[in-house]
N, C-alpha and C. Protein backbone atom coordinates (compact mmCIF):
# COMPACT_ATOMS: atom_id res chain seq x y z
N UNK A 1 40.11 -30.92 0.72
CA UNK A 1 39.61 -29.66 0.23
C UNK A 1 38.38 -29.13 1.03
N UNK A 2 38.45 -27.92 1.49
CA UNK A 2 37.32 -27.40 2.28
C UNK A 2 36.03 -27.23 1.45
N UNK A 3 34.95 -27.51 2.11
CA UNK A 3 33.64 -27.32 1.44
C UNK A 3 33.38 -25.79 1.17
N UNK A 4 32.68 -25.55 0.06
CA UNK A 4 32.36 -24.12 -0.25
C UNK A 4 31.35 -23.65 0.80
N UNK A 5 31.39 -22.37 1.23
CA UNK A 5 30.49 -21.84 2.24
C UNK A 5 29.07 -21.82 1.62
N UNK A 6 28.02 -21.88 2.38
CA UNK A 6 26.64 -21.85 1.90
C UNK A 6 26.30 -20.67 1.14
N UNK A 7 27.06 -19.58 1.32
CA UNK A 7 26.80 -18.39 0.67
C UNK A 7 27.75 -18.06 -0.53
N UNK A 8 28.37 -19.15 -1.03
CA UNK A 8 29.37 -19.06 -2.04
C UNK A 8 28.78 -18.27 -3.32
N UNK A 9 27.54 -18.40 -3.61
CA UNK A 9 26.95 -17.73 -4.80
C UNK A 9 26.56 -16.28 -4.48
N UNK A 10 26.87 -15.81 -3.27
CA UNK A 10 26.46 -14.51 -2.78
C UNK A 10 25.16 -14.45 -2.16
N UNK A 11 24.76 -13.30 -1.55
CA UNK A 11 23.51 -13.09 -0.97
C UNK A 11 22.96 -11.65 -1.31
N UNK A 12 21.66 -11.61 -1.46
CA UNK A 12 21.06 -10.29 -1.64
C UNK A 12 20.57 -9.79 -0.33
N UNK A 13 20.83 -8.48 -0.09
CA UNK A 13 20.31 -7.87 1.16
C UNK A 13 20.34 -6.38 0.95
N UNK A 14 19.17 -5.71 1.56
CA UNK A 14 19.12 -4.31 1.63
C UNK A 14 18.30 -4.03 2.76
N UNK A 15 18.89 -3.23 3.62
CA UNK A 15 18.16 -2.88 4.88
C UNK A 15 16.97 -2.01 4.58
N UNK A 16 15.82 -2.33 5.12
CA UNK A 16 14.54 -1.60 4.87
C UNK A 16 14.26 -0.68 6.10
N UNK A 17 15.18 -0.74 7.10
CA UNK A 17 15.01 0.11 8.31
C UNK A 17 13.69 -0.22 9.03
N UNK A 18 13.30 -1.47 9.02
CA UNK A 18 12.05 -1.90 9.67
C UNK A 18 12.20 -1.95 11.16
N UNK A 19 13.43 -2.11 11.63
CA UNK A 19 13.64 -2.19 13.11
C UNK A 19 13.63 -3.57 13.67
N UNK A 20 13.27 -4.59 12.93
CA UNK A 20 13.16 -5.96 13.40
C UNK A 20 14.49 -6.47 14.01
N UNK A 21 15.56 -6.09 13.44
CA UNK A 21 16.84 -6.58 13.98
C UNK A 21 17.19 -5.99 15.31
N UNK A 22 16.76 -4.84 15.60
CA UNK A 22 17.06 -4.15 16.84
C UNK A 22 16.08 -4.36 17.93
N UNK A 23 14.86 -4.93 17.50
CA UNK A 23 13.78 -5.07 18.52
C UNK A 23 13.51 -6.57 18.66
N UNK A 24 14.19 -7.40 17.96
CA UNK A 24 14.01 -8.87 18.04
C UNK A 24 14.71 -9.44 19.27
N UNK A 25 14.82 -10.75 19.29
CA UNK A 25 15.31 -11.42 20.48
C UNK A 25 16.84 -11.34 20.58
N UNK A 26 17.59 -11.10 19.54
CA UNK A 26 19.03 -11.06 19.65
C UNK A 26 19.47 -9.58 19.81
N UNK A 27 20.70 -9.38 20.22
CA UNK A 27 21.24 -8.01 20.41
C UNK A 27 22.44 -7.99 21.20
N UNK A 28 22.79 -6.89 21.76
CA UNK A 28 24.00 -6.67 22.59
C UNK A 28 23.72 -7.03 24.01
N UNK A 29 24.56 -7.80 24.63
CA UNK A 29 24.48 -8.12 26.02
C UNK A 29 25.77 -7.63 26.65
N UNK A 30 25.60 -6.51 27.30
CA UNK A 30 26.88 -5.88 27.89
C UNK A 30 27.25 -6.61 29.11
N UNK A 31 28.58 -6.71 29.31
CA UNK A 31 29.17 -7.51 30.41
C UNK A 31 30.07 -6.57 31.20
N UNK A 32 29.85 -6.39 32.50
CA UNK A 32 30.71 -5.63 33.30
C UNK A 32 31.96 -6.42 33.73
N UNK A 33 33.01 -5.81 34.13
CA UNK A 33 34.25 -6.47 34.55
C UNK A 33 34.06 -7.57 35.60
N UNK A 34 33.27 -7.27 36.58
CA UNK A 34 33.00 -8.26 37.67
C UNK A 34 32.17 -9.44 37.12
N UNK A 35 31.33 -9.25 36.10
CA UNK A 35 30.65 -10.29 35.57
C UNK A 35 31.55 -11.13 34.66
N UNK A 36 32.47 -10.51 33.98
CA UNK A 36 33.48 -11.27 33.20
C UNK A 36 34.24 -12.19 34.13
N UNK A 37 34.68 -11.68 35.22
CA UNK A 37 35.44 -12.50 36.19
C UNK A 37 34.66 -13.65 36.72
N UNK A 38 33.41 -13.41 37.09
CA UNK A 38 32.51 -14.54 37.56
C UNK A 38 32.26 -15.56 36.55
N UNK A 39 32.00 -15.14 35.32
CA UNK A 39 31.75 -16.08 34.22
C UNK A 39 32.97 -16.91 33.93
N UNK A 40 34.19 -16.29 33.84
CA UNK A 40 35.38 -16.97 33.60
C UNK A 40 35.68 -17.98 34.68
N UNK A 41 35.48 -17.62 35.95
CA UNK A 41 35.64 -18.50 37.05
C UNK A 41 34.68 -19.76 37.00
N UNK A 42 33.48 -19.41 36.63
CA UNK A 42 32.50 -20.51 36.52
C UNK A 42 32.95 -21.56 35.49
N UNK A 43 33.49 -21.06 34.32
CA UNK A 43 33.92 -21.98 33.29
C UNK A 43 35.33 -22.40 33.44
N UNK A 44 35.99 -22.03 34.59
CA UNK A 44 37.32 -22.45 34.87
C UNK A 44 38.27 -22.03 33.77
N UNK A 45 38.15 -20.80 33.44
CA UNK A 45 39.03 -20.23 32.36
C UNK A 45 39.71 -19.00 32.96
N UNK A 46 40.91 -18.67 32.37
CA UNK A 46 41.52 -17.34 32.70
C UNK A 46 40.58 -16.23 32.09
N UNK A 47 40.64 -15.13 32.65
CA UNK A 47 39.75 -14.09 32.20
C UNK A 47 39.98 -13.73 30.72
N UNK A 48 41.29 -13.73 30.33
CA UNK A 48 41.61 -13.38 28.98
C UNK A 48 41.10 -14.49 27.97
N UNK A 49 41.11 -15.70 28.46
CA UNK A 49 40.59 -16.78 27.64
C UNK A 49 39.10 -16.71 27.39
N UNK A 50 38.33 -16.35 28.53
CA UNK A 50 36.91 -16.14 28.37
C UNK A 50 36.59 -14.99 27.45
N UNK A 51 37.32 -13.89 27.62
CA UNK A 51 37.15 -12.72 26.70
C UNK A 51 37.34 -13.14 25.23
N UNK A 52 38.35 -13.79 24.97
CA UNK A 52 38.66 -14.15 23.57
C UNK A 52 37.67 -15.14 22.95
N UNK A 53 37.14 -16.04 23.75
CA UNK A 53 36.14 -17.00 23.23
C UNK A 53 34.74 -16.58 23.33
N UNK A 54 34.34 -15.83 24.29
CA UNK A 54 32.94 -15.55 24.48
C UNK A 54 32.37 -14.11 24.35
N UNK A 55 33.38 -13.16 24.17
CA UNK A 55 32.92 -11.76 24.06
C UNK A 55 33.42 -11.11 22.78
N UNK A 56 32.97 -9.94 22.56
CA UNK A 56 33.45 -9.12 21.53
C UNK A 56 33.47 -7.65 21.99
N UNK A 57 34.36 -6.86 21.43
CA UNK A 57 34.41 -5.51 21.84
C UNK A 57 33.64 -4.64 20.89
N UNK A 58 32.80 -3.85 21.31
CA UNK A 58 31.96 -2.97 20.49
C UNK A 58 32.76 -1.72 20.12
N UNK A 59 32.40 -1.07 19.00
CA UNK A 59 33.09 0.14 18.62
C UNK A 59 33.24 1.18 19.73
N UNK A 60 32.30 1.21 20.64
CA UNK A 60 32.34 2.15 21.80
C UNK A 60 33.34 1.74 22.82
N UNK A 61 33.93 0.46 22.72
CA UNK A 61 34.86 -0.04 23.71
C UNK A 61 34.20 -0.93 24.74
N UNK A 62 32.86 -0.90 24.76
CA UNK A 62 32.11 -1.79 25.73
C UNK A 62 32.24 -3.23 25.33
N UNK A 63 32.11 -4.17 26.22
CA UNK A 63 32.21 -5.55 26.03
C UNK A 63 30.89 -6.21 25.98
N UNK A 64 30.55 -7.00 24.91
CA UNK A 64 29.38 -7.74 24.85
C UNK A 64 29.57 -9.20 24.66
N UNK A 65 28.58 -10.08 25.21
CA UNK A 65 28.70 -11.49 24.94
C UNK A 65 28.57 -11.69 23.46
N UNK A 66 29.19 -12.66 22.87
CA UNK A 66 28.95 -13.09 21.48
C UNK A 66 27.71 -13.86 21.46
N UNK A 67 27.00 -13.75 20.31
CA UNK A 67 25.83 -14.56 20.05
C UNK A 67 26.17 -15.86 19.34
N UNK A 68 25.49 -16.87 19.59
CA UNK A 68 25.62 -18.11 18.88
C UNK A 68 24.45 -18.22 18.01
N UNK A 69 24.80 -18.33 16.69
CA UNK A 69 23.70 -18.49 15.65
C UNK A 69 23.06 -19.88 15.74
N UNK A 70 21.71 -19.85 15.74
CA UNK A 70 20.96 -21.11 15.69
C UNK A 70 21.29 -21.78 14.35
N UNK A 71 21.10 -23.14 14.31
CA UNK A 71 21.25 -23.92 13.08
C UNK A 71 20.33 -23.36 11.98
N UNK A 72 19.11 -23.00 12.36
CA UNK A 72 18.20 -22.53 11.32
C UNK A 72 18.19 -21.00 11.32
N UNK A 73 19.27 -20.33 11.72
CA UNK A 73 19.35 -18.88 11.88
C UNK A 73 18.98 -18.07 10.61
N UNK A 74 19.53 -18.41 9.45
CA UNK A 74 19.25 -17.65 8.25
C UNK A 74 17.69 -17.79 7.91
N UNK A 75 17.15 -18.99 7.94
CA UNK A 75 15.77 -19.21 7.66
C UNK A 75 14.84 -18.43 8.70
N UNK A 76 15.30 -18.51 9.97
CA UNK A 76 14.56 -17.85 11.02
C UNK A 76 14.63 -16.38 10.83
N UNK A 77 15.77 -15.83 10.51
CA UNK A 77 15.89 -14.39 10.24
C UNK A 77 15.09 -13.93 9.11
N UNK A 78 15.09 -14.77 8.02
CA UNK A 78 14.29 -14.37 6.83
C UNK A 78 12.84 -14.21 7.08
N UNK A 79 12.35 -14.87 8.19
CA UNK A 79 10.91 -14.75 8.51
C UNK A 79 10.52 -13.30 9.04
N UNK A 80 11.57 -12.68 9.62
CA UNK A 80 11.26 -11.36 10.28
C UNK A 80 12.03 -10.21 9.56
N UNK A 81 12.89 -10.55 8.65
CA UNK A 81 13.73 -9.45 7.96
C UNK A 81 13.27 -9.33 6.50
N UNK A 82 12.59 -8.25 6.19
CA UNK A 82 12.19 -8.08 4.78
C UNK A 82 13.33 -7.69 3.87
N UNK A 83 14.49 -7.47 4.42
CA UNK A 83 15.66 -7.07 3.55
C UNK A 83 16.46 -8.32 3.04
N UNK A 84 16.17 -9.44 3.60
CA UNK A 84 16.93 -10.61 3.13
C UNK A 84 16.32 -11.07 1.81
N UNK A 85 17.22 -11.24 0.84
CA UNK A 85 16.75 -11.76 -0.46
C UNK A 85 16.41 -10.60 -1.43
N UNK A 86 16.55 -9.35 -0.94
CA UNK A 86 16.25 -8.18 -1.79
C UNK A 86 17.53 -7.32 -1.87
N UNK A 87 17.50 -6.35 -2.81
CA UNK A 87 18.62 -5.47 -2.94
C UNK A 87 19.79 -6.02 -3.66
N UNK A 88 20.99 -5.33 -3.43
CA UNK A 88 22.18 -5.75 -4.22
C UNK A 88 22.74 -7.16 -3.88
N UNK A 89 23.34 -7.83 -4.77
CA UNK A 89 23.97 -9.09 -4.52
C UNK A 89 25.36 -8.88 -3.96
N UNK A 90 25.67 -9.38 -2.78
CA UNK A 90 27.00 -9.33 -2.17
C UNK A 90 27.69 -10.61 -2.37
N UNK A 91 28.93 -10.56 -2.86
CA UNK A 91 29.74 -11.70 -3.20
C UNK A 91 30.17 -12.36 -1.84
N UNK A 92 30.65 -13.62 -2.02
CA UNK A 92 31.16 -14.32 -0.85
C UNK A 92 32.32 -13.63 -0.17
N UNK A 93 33.16 -13.00 -1.03
CA UNK A 93 34.31 -12.27 -0.51
C UNK A 93 33.82 -11.07 0.33
N UNK A 94 32.82 -10.34 -0.23
CA UNK A 94 32.34 -9.19 0.51
C UNK A 94 31.69 -9.62 1.81
N UNK A 95 31.03 -10.74 1.81
CA UNK A 95 30.39 -11.21 3.05
C UNK A 95 31.43 -11.56 4.07
N UNK A 96 32.46 -12.24 3.62
CA UNK A 96 33.52 -12.67 4.53
C UNK A 96 34.25 -11.45 5.09
N UNK A 97 34.34 -10.37 4.31
CA UNK A 97 35.03 -9.13 4.77
C UNK A 97 34.20 -8.57 5.87
N UNK A 98 32.81 -8.53 5.70
CA UNK A 98 31.96 -8.01 6.69
C UNK A 98 31.99 -8.81 8.01
N UNK A 99 32.05 -10.10 7.87
CA UNK A 99 32.13 -10.98 9.05
C UNK A 99 33.42 -10.76 9.84
N UNK A 100 34.48 -10.60 9.06
CA UNK A 100 35.83 -10.38 9.71
C UNK A 100 35.89 -9.00 10.33
N UNK A 101 35.38 -8.01 9.70
CA UNK A 101 35.36 -6.64 10.16
C UNK A 101 34.10 -6.31 10.87
N UNK A 102 34.01 -6.64 12.15
CA UNK A 102 32.66 -6.44 12.85
C UNK A 102 32.64 -5.14 13.54
N UNK A 103 33.59 -4.24 13.18
CA UNK A 103 33.63 -2.86 13.84
C UNK A 103 34.54 -2.79 15.06
N UNK A 104 35.14 -4.00 15.32
CA UNK A 104 36.11 -3.98 16.41
C UNK A 104 37.58 -4.12 16.05
N UNK A 105 37.80 -4.15 14.74
CA UNK A 105 39.26 -4.07 14.28
C UNK A 105 39.89 -2.81 14.77
N UNK A 106 41.19 -3.00 15.10
CA UNK A 106 41.97 -1.80 15.51
C UNK A 106 41.86 -1.56 16.98
N UNK A 107 40.90 -2.15 17.71
CA UNK A 107 40.79 -1.95 19.12
C UNK A 107 41.68 -2.91 19.82
N UNK A 108 42.28 -2.57 20.88
CA UNK A 108 43.21 -3.44 21.61
C UNK A 108 42.71 -3.50 23.09
N UNK A 109 41.70 -4.34 23.35
CA UNK A 109 41.05 -4.32 24.67
C UNK A 109 42.04 -4.90 25.69
N UNK A 110 41.89 -4.55 26.88
CA UNK A 110 42.70 -5.10 28.04
C UNK A 110 42.11 -6.44 28.35
N UNK A 111 42.95 -7.52 28.04
CA UNK A 111 42.42 -8.91 28.15
C UNK A 111 42.59 -9.43 29.56
N UNK A 112 43.31 -8.73 30.45
CA UNK A 112 43.45 -9.25 31.80
C UNK A 112 42.94 -8.30 32.88
């Protein structure tokens, strides 16, 4: 039986528009086609394998590297985000829907 996610009881969040999430260390890292090819070659992967594993398509159609969350990511984010722990309570199902639908659904990027 799979373990319950750490957010099983839901999470409270309300954006305060402080700007910390867009001016902090994480963000979008755009990748040009020639960079994709070089990175895939370096990892000895086919370009479509690299795209599937290490990138995401933005709503604009641009390609960004995926970010890897740190083990202490939520606690670290809570230090700089005044919206964490405030506002409406989002259920685990609502959280999973947000994670699944990152704004790239419905796009069919050219993987080769």
